[in-house]
Amino acid sequence: MRWLQTARGWLDDLHRSWHRPRPSPPAPRTAASAPVSYGPLERVLLTDGVGRTLFEEFANHRAEARGDEETGWLLLGLREAREAIVVATLPAGTRRDASVAHVRFNSSAQVLASRIVRQSDRRLTTVGVVHTHPGSLRRPSDGDLRGDRQWVANLRGKEGVFGIGTADGVPTPGDLFAYQPRPHVQCLKGLRFSWYALRQGDSAYRPLPVEVTIGPDLARALHGIWATLELHAERIERLYRQQSALRFEVMSDEWGAGLLLILPLAEPGDSLRVLIRPKEVRYYLLRSGEVLEVHHHDEWVDRGVYLLLAELAARA
């Protein structure tokens, strides 16, 4: 095919990275799990990776040109009977609608990021949201309550976790670690997160004790390519809905980070792969163990994939 050529140089490294051994998937369960009986939340448990993300990105946000606006994160995790375990954060994004009094997240990028994170564990679900207040209001506002009372009806257990970030924490000598002046409050380097729960039918939020355990932020690698996700999210989401076998990986090499889309083809082991970086979209075929670069640079990912599938079908 004249529109294909065997790639050289950095593609050799890319080929090796695509063929690294993958961990075996967990064995299927032999019996259905008993349904969880959800009671009121008694605590929220954050992985240390999630806690680090929240404090670091809040501090970085305050140093940016839009630092006087509100910002936030969607929280993914496990909803247990009496606790929520947060293992991933999805940022509001550069295309958020925000001011000093509100923030509306870029939902398209968050939907796509949620799909990517949930590849590793389908049990993961939305458990809550964190947003910041530029002033010293340490609890959700009346406006937050009006929206959240409706939103929690969509969550498991009909209850959500809500964090409020403010920059009015009391610094401690050295600020070497976070401390908790109250069970539901975390402070570090003058920043403060206050945690609450709201259950469907509640008239007010209640303070929610917060604890930390060892573990990563499963979405942290996505934060580095978030602008790329925002740019392509709607087309990738449409492609995913049409091609349920589509899978995702975050890649990083000397040319930077990118999102890799993997679409299996008819022959076992063959696949169409799309590498998306901030300023480029590249297409490859993995066929019979060989990586072939496609000289086709359609920036509309869904259209580019279907044009290549049509060409492959015509040449079959």
Protein backbone atom coordinates (compact mmCIF):
# COMPACT_ATOMS: atom_id res chain seq x y z
CA MET A 1 0.00 0.00 0.00
CA ARG A 2 1.52 3.30 -1.05
CA TRP A 3 -0.06 5.11 1.92
CA LEU A 4 1.79 2.87 4.37
CA GLN A 5 5.45 2.59 5.17
CA THR A 6 7.36 0.79 7.86
CA ALA A 7 8.27 3.34 10.50
CA ARG A 8 11.81 3.81 11.69
CA GLY A 9 13.65 5.44 14.61
CA TRP A 10 11.31 6.41 17.38
CA LEU A 11 8.65 4.05 16.06
CA ASP A 12 10.91 1.17 17.07
CA ASP A 13 10.70 2.38 20.66
CA LEU A 14 6.96 2.88 20.28
CA HIS A 15 6.64 -0.67 18.97
CA ARG A 16 8.46 -2.03 22.02
CA SER A 17 6.26 -0.03 24.37
CA TRP A 18 3.14 -1.42 22.67
CA HIS A 19 4.42 -4.96 23.19
CA ARG A 20 5.31 -4.74 26.86
CA PRO A 21 3.74 -7.56 28.85
CA ARG A 22 0.39 -6.57 30.28
CA PRO A 23 -0.82 -7.82 33.64
CA SER A 24 -3.35 -10.59 33.36
CA PRO A 25 -6.94 -9.50 33.92
CA PRO A 26 -8.53 -10.63 37.16
CA ALA A 27 -10.29 -13.96 37.06
CA PRO A 28 -14.04 -13.67 36.56
CA ARG A 29 -16.15 -14.01 39.65
CA THR A 30 -17.90 -17.32 39.94
CA ALA A 31 -20.81 -15.96 41.90
CA ALA A 32 -22.62 -12.65 41.87
CA SER A 33 -21.70 -10.31 44.69
CA ALA A 34 -24.37 -9.53 47.22
CA PRO A 35 -25.93 -6.09 46.63
CA VAL A 36 -24.54 -3.36 48.85
CA SER A 37 -26.91 -1.88 51.40
CA TYR A 38 -25.94 1.79 51.44
CA GLY A 39 -26.21 3.66 54.70
CA PRO A 40 -25.28 7.28 55.44
CA LEU A 41 -21.62 8.02 54.80
CA GLU A 42 -19.49 7.94 57.92
CA ARG A 43 -16.18 8.96 56.32
CA VAL A 44 -14.40 9.70 53.06
CA LEU A 45 -11.08 7.93 52.50
CA LEU A 46 -8.61 9.60 50.10
CA THR A 47 -5.54 7.96 48.62
CA ASP A 48 -2.40 9.97 49.32
CA GLY A 49 -2.09 10.51 45.56
CA VAL A 50 -5.50 12.16 45.47
CA GLY A 51 -4.67 14.35 48.46
CA ARG A 52 -1.41 15.43 46.82
CA THR A 53 -3.20 16.27 43.58
CA LEU A 54 -5.76 18.46 45.32
CA PHE A 55 -3.27 20.50 47.32
CA GLU A 56 -0.71 20.81 44.52
CA GLU A 57 -3.18 21.79 41.81
CA PHE A 58 -5.02 24.20 44.11
CA ALA A 59 -1.70 25.93 44.84
CA ASN A 60 -0.80 25.99 41.13
CA HIS A 61 -4.21 27.36 40.23
CA ARG A 62 -3.82 30.27 42.63
CA ALA A 63 -0.55 31.23 40.92
CA GLU A 64 -2.14 31.34 37.44
CA ALA A 65 -3.75 34.27 35.63
CA ARG A 66 -7.21 32.85 36.42
CA GLY A 67 -6.28 32.18 40.04
CA ASP A 68 -9.04 34.39 41.42
CA GLU A 69 -11.69 32.15 39.87
CA GLU A 70 -13.21 29.05 41.39
CA THR A 71 -11.88 25.73 40.17
CA GLY A 72 -12.58 22.10 41.03
CA TRP A 73 -12.34 18.37 40.47
CA LEU A 74 -14.76 15.51 39.95
CA LEU A 75 -14.03 12.57 42.27
CA LEU A 76 -14.06 8.93 41.19
CA GLY A 77 -13.83 6.02 43.56
CA LEU A 78 -15.59 3.16 45.28
CA ARG A 79 -18.84 3.59 47.16
CA GLU A 80 -18.97 1.16 50.05
CA ALA A 81 -21.76 0.66 52.54
CA ARG A 82 -20.70 3.43 54.92
CA GLU A 83 -17.71 5.11 53.24
CA ALA A 84 -16.50 6.49 49.94
CA ILE A 85 -12.93 5.74 48.80
CA VAL A 86 -11.61 8.38 46.37
CA VAL A 87 -8.95 7.11 43.94
CA ALA A 88 -9.05 9.58 41.03
CA THR A 89 -9.54 13.29 40.33
CA LEU A 90 -10.80 14.81 37.08
CA PRO A 91 -10.04 18.55 36.83
CA ALA A 92 -12.52 21.23 35.79
CA GLY A 93 -10.34 21.93 32.75
CA THR A 94 -9.06 24.95 30.91
CA ARG A 95 -12.38 25.27 29.08
CA ARG A 96 -14.36 25.52 32.30
CA ASP A 97 -16.91 28.27 32.75
CA ALA A 98 -15.82 29.99 35.96
CA SER A 99 -15.76 33.25 37.91
CA VAL A 100 -15.15 34.28 41.50
CA ALA A 101 -18.61 32.98 42.35
CA HIS A 102 -19.10 29.80 40.34
CA VAL A 103 -17.44 27.04 38.31
CA ARG A 104 -18.99 24.83 35.65
CA PHE A 105 -16.80 21.90 34.65
CA ASN A 106 -15.92 20.82 31.11
CA SER A 107 -18.10 17.73 31.19
CA SER A 108 -17.05 16.37 27.77
CA ALA A 109 -13.45 15.89 28.87
CA GLN A 110 -14.53 14.46 32.21
CA VAL A 111 -16.81 11.87 30.57
CA LEU A 112 -13.93 10.70 28.38
CA ALA A 113 -11.45 10.69 31.27
CA SER A 114 -13.89 8.69 33.37
CA ARG A 115 -14.07 6.04 30.65
CA ILE A 116 -10.28 5.86 30.50
CA VAL A 117 -9.88 5.50 34.27
CA ARG A 118 -12.66 2.92 34.55
CA GLN A 119 -10.87 0.59 32.14
CA SER A 120 -8.82 -0.60 35.12
CA ASP A 121 -11.82 -1.24 37.39
CA ARG A 122 -15.42 -1.07 36.30
CA ARG A 123 -16.55 -0.66 39.89
CA LEU A 124 -15.28 2.92 39.92
CA THR A 125 -17.99 5.53 39.91
CA THR A 126 -18.53 9.21 40.60
CA VAL A 127 -18.60 9.73 44.37
CA GLY A 128 -18.47 13.51 44.70
CA VAL A 129 -16.97 16.81 43.72
CA VAL A 130 -14.51 19.37 45.10
CA HIS A 131 -14.48 23.06 44.28
CA THR A 132 -12.75 26.10 45.66
CA HIS A 133 -13.97 29.38 47.09
CA PRO A 134 -11.71 32.43 46.57
CA GLY A 135 -12.76 33.89 49.93
CA SER A 136 -13.13 32.21 53.31
CA LEU A 137 -16.46 30.44 52.88
CA ARG A 138 -15.47 26.99 54.13
CA ARG A 139 -18.71 25.21 53.39
CA PRO A 140 -20.88 24.85 50.27
CA SER A 141 -23.03 27.86 49.47
CA ASP A 142 -26.81 28.03 49.24
CA GLY A 143 -26.44 27.93 45.46
CA ASP A 144 -24.35 24.76 45.75
CA LEU A 145 -27.05 23.18 47.89
CA ARG A 146 -29.79 23.82 45.35
CA GLY A 147 -27.86 22.04 42.61
CA ASP A 148 -26.33 19.29 44.74
CA ARG A 149 -29.67 18.19 46.22
CA GLN A 150 -30.75 17.19 42.73
CA TRP A 151 -27.36 15.82 41.63
CA VAL A 152 -26.93 13.31 44.49
CA ALA A 153 -30.00 11.41 43.28
CA ASN A 154 -27.79 10.09 40.45
CA LEU A 155 -25.08 8.70 42.76
CA ARG A 156 -24.82 5.29 44.39
CA GLY A 157 -26.40 5.44 47.79
CA LYS A 158 -28.11 8.71 46.77
CA GLU A 159 -25.36 10.56 48.63
CA GLY A 160 -22.29 12.51 47.61
CA VAL A 161 -18.98 13.75 48.99
CA PHE A 162 -18.31 17.47 48.70
CA GLY A 163 -15.03 19.24 49.38
CA ILE A 164 -14.52 22.98 49.65
CA GLY A 165 -11.05 24.44 49.15
CA THR A 166 -10.08 27.78 50.66
CA ALA A 167 -6.80 29.59 51.12
CA ASP A 168 -7.37 30.59 54.74
CA GLY A 169 -5.65 27.69 56.50
CA VAL A 170 -3.30 28.52 59.34
CA PRO A 171 0.34 27.89 58.26
CA THR A 172 2.43 25.80 60.62
CA PRO A 173 6.21 26.04 61.08
CA GLY A 174 7.86 24.49 58.06
CA ASP A 175 4.57 23.23 56.55
CA LEU A 176 6.15 19.84 56.04
CA PHE A 177 2.93 17.87 56.12
CA ALA A 178 -0.83 18.28 56.19
CA TYR A 179 -2.62 18.39 59.50
CA GLN A 180 -6.26 18.09 60.58
CA PRO A 181 -7.52 20.68 63.06
CA ARG A 182 -10.90 18.95 62.85
CA PRO A 183 -11.89 15.48 61.66
CA HIS A 184 -13.40 16.88 58.43
CA VAL A 185 -10.65 19.44 57.68
CA GLN A 186 -7.21 19.14 56.05
CA CYS A 187 -4.67 22.00 55.99
CA LEU A 188 -1.32 22.38 54.23
CA LYS A 189 0.76 25.51 53.51
CA GLY A 190 -2.14 27.88 54.10
CA LEU A 191 -4.61 25.87 52.00
CA ARG A 192 -7.60 24.15 53.49
CA PHE A 193 -10.06 21.48 52.33
CA SER A 194 -13.27 21.02 54.31
CA TRP A 195 -15.31 17.87 53.62
CA TYR A 196 -19.07 17.35 53.74
CA ALA A 197 -21.72 14.81 52.80
CA LEU A 198 -25.18 15.41 51.37
CA ARG A 199 -27.84 12.72 51.08
CA GLN A 200 -30.96 12.88 48.96
CA GLY A 201 -33.66 14.61 50.97
CA ASP A 202 -31.22 16.33 53.37
CA SER A 203 -31.83 20.01 54.03
CA ALA A 204 -28.17 20.77 54.77
CA TYR A 205 -24.66 19.34 54.37
CA ARG A 206 -23.06 17.60 57.34
CA PRO A 207 -19.33 17.52 58.14
CA LEU A 208 -17.72 14.28 56.89
CA PRO A 209 -14.56 12.92 58.58
CA VAL A 210 -11.69 12.50 56.12
CA GLU A 211 -8.83 10.00 56.31
CA VAL A 212 -5.89 9.18 54.04
CA THR A 213 -4.60 5.81 52.84
CA ILE A 214 -1.73 4.76 50.57
CA GLY A 215 -2.56 4.72 46.86
CA PRO A 216 -2.25 6.68 43.60
CA ASP A 217 -4.45 9.18 41.87
CA LEU A 218 -5.46 6.92 38.99
CA ALA A 219 -6.21 9.91 36.75
CA ARG A 220 -3.08 11.97 37.45
CA ALA A 221 -1.40 11.02 34.14
CA LEU A 222 -4.44 12.44 32.32
CA HIS A 223 -3.97 15.86 33.89
CA GLY A 224 -0.83 16.38 31.81
CA ILE A 225 -2.78 15.92 28.57
CA TRP A 226 -6.04 17.52 29.69
CA ALA A 227 -6.02 20.22 27.02
CA THR A 228 -5.68 17.45 24.41
CA LEU A 229 -8.63 15.58 25.94
CA GLU A 230 -10.74 18.74 25.86
CA LEU A 231 -9.91 19.35 22.21
CA HIS A 232 -10.81 15.84 21.01
CA ALA A 233 -13.25 14.62 23.69
CA GLU A 234 -16.52 14.86 21.77
CA ARG A 235 -15.21 13.05 18.69
CA ILE A 236 -13.45 10.35 20.73
CA GLU A 237 -16.59 9.85 22.80
CA ARG A 238 -18.64 9.43 19.63
CA LEU A 239 -16.10 6.94 18.30
CA TYR A 240 -16.21 5.00 21.58
CA ARG A 241 -19.99 4.75 21.47
CA GLN A 242 -19.76 3.33 17.97
CA GLN A 243 -16.76 1.06 18.60
CA SER A 244 -17.16 -0.58 22.00
CA ALA A 245 -13.84 -2.42 21.67
CA LEU A 246 -11.91 0.87 21.66
CA ARG A 247 -9.30 1.11 24.43
CA PHE A 248 -7.05 3.90 25.69
CA GLU A 249 -3.52 4.31 27.03
CA VAL A 250 -1.56 7.36 28.17
CA MET A 251 1.90 7.40 26.62
CA SER A 252 4.97 9.51 27.34
CA ASP A 253 8.30 9.60 25.52
CA GLU A 254 10.92 12.16 24.52
CA TRP A 255 8.37 13.91 22.29
CA GLY A 256 6.00 14.38 25.20
CA ALA A 257 2.81 12.84 26.53
CA GLY A 258 -0.14 11.74 24.45
CA LEU A 259 -3.29 9.65 24.36
CA LEU A 260 -3.19 6.38 22.43
CA LEU A 261 -6.43 4.95 21.01
CA ILE A 262 -6.37 1.22 20.24
CA LEU A 263 -9.04 -0.32 18.02
CA PRO A 264 -8.74 -4.11 17.43
CA LEU A 265 -9.08 -5.31 13.84
CA ALA A 266 -10.45 -8.59 12.50
CA GLU A 267 -7.21 -10.57 12.64
CA PRO A 268 -6.06 -11.56 16.15
CA GLY A 269 -3.38 -9.18 17.43
CA ASP A 270 -3.93 -6.61 14.67
CA SER A 271 -5.12 -3.14 15.57
CA LEU A 272 -5.52 0.41 14.34
CA ARG A 273 -3.81 2.88 16.66
CA VAL A 274 -4.13 6.64 16.90
CA LEU A 275 -1.61 8.70 18.85
CA ILE A 276 -2.98 12.10 19.83
CA ARG A 277 -0.68 14.87 21.06
CA PRO A 278 -1.38 18.60 21.55
CA LYS A 279 -0.35 19.53 17.99
CA GLU A 280 -0.64 16.32 16.02
CA VAL A 281 -2.69 13.20 15.36
CA ARG A 282 -0.86 10.17 13.96
CA TYR A 283 -2.27 6.89 12.69
CA TYR A 284 -0.63 3.43 12.76
CA LEU A 285 -1.42 -0.16 11.98
CA LEU A 286 -0.13 -2.98 14.12
CA ARG A 287 -0.32 -5.94 11.76
CA SER A 288 1.39 -9.33 12.03
CA GLY A 289 3.62 -7.92 14.77
CA GLU A 290 4.83 -5.00 12.64
CA VAL A 291 4.09 -1.31 13.28
CA LEU A 292 3.19 0.58 10.10
CA GLU A 293 2.79 4.34 10.03
CA VAL A 294 -0.11 5.61 7.95
CA HIS A 295 0.53 8.79 5.96
CA HIS A 296 -2.82 10.22 6.86
CA HIS A 297 -3.15 13.15 9.24
CA ASP A 298 -6.84 13.84 9.66
CA GLU A 299 -7.20 15.87 12.85
CA TRP A 300 -10.83 14.76 13.20
CA VAL A 301 -10.14 11.49 14.96
CA ASP A 302 -13.43 9.75 14.31
CA ARG A 303 -13.42 10.64 10.63
CA GLY A 304 -9.78 9.62 10.29
CA VAL A 305 -10.46 6.20 11.82
CA TYR A 306 -13.43 5.47 9.57
CA LEU A 307 -11.60 6.58 6.41
CA LEU A 308 -8.80 4.13 7.26
CA LEU A 309 -11.23 1.32 8.06
CA ALA A 310 -12.94 1.92 4.72
CA GLU A 311 -9.58 1.81 2.92
CA LEU A 312 -8.65 -1.43 4.68
CA ALA A 313 -12.00 -2.98 3.79
CA ALA A 314 -11.56 -1.99 0.13
CA ARG A 315 -8.11 -3.59 0.01
CA ALA A 316 -9.02 -6.76 1.91
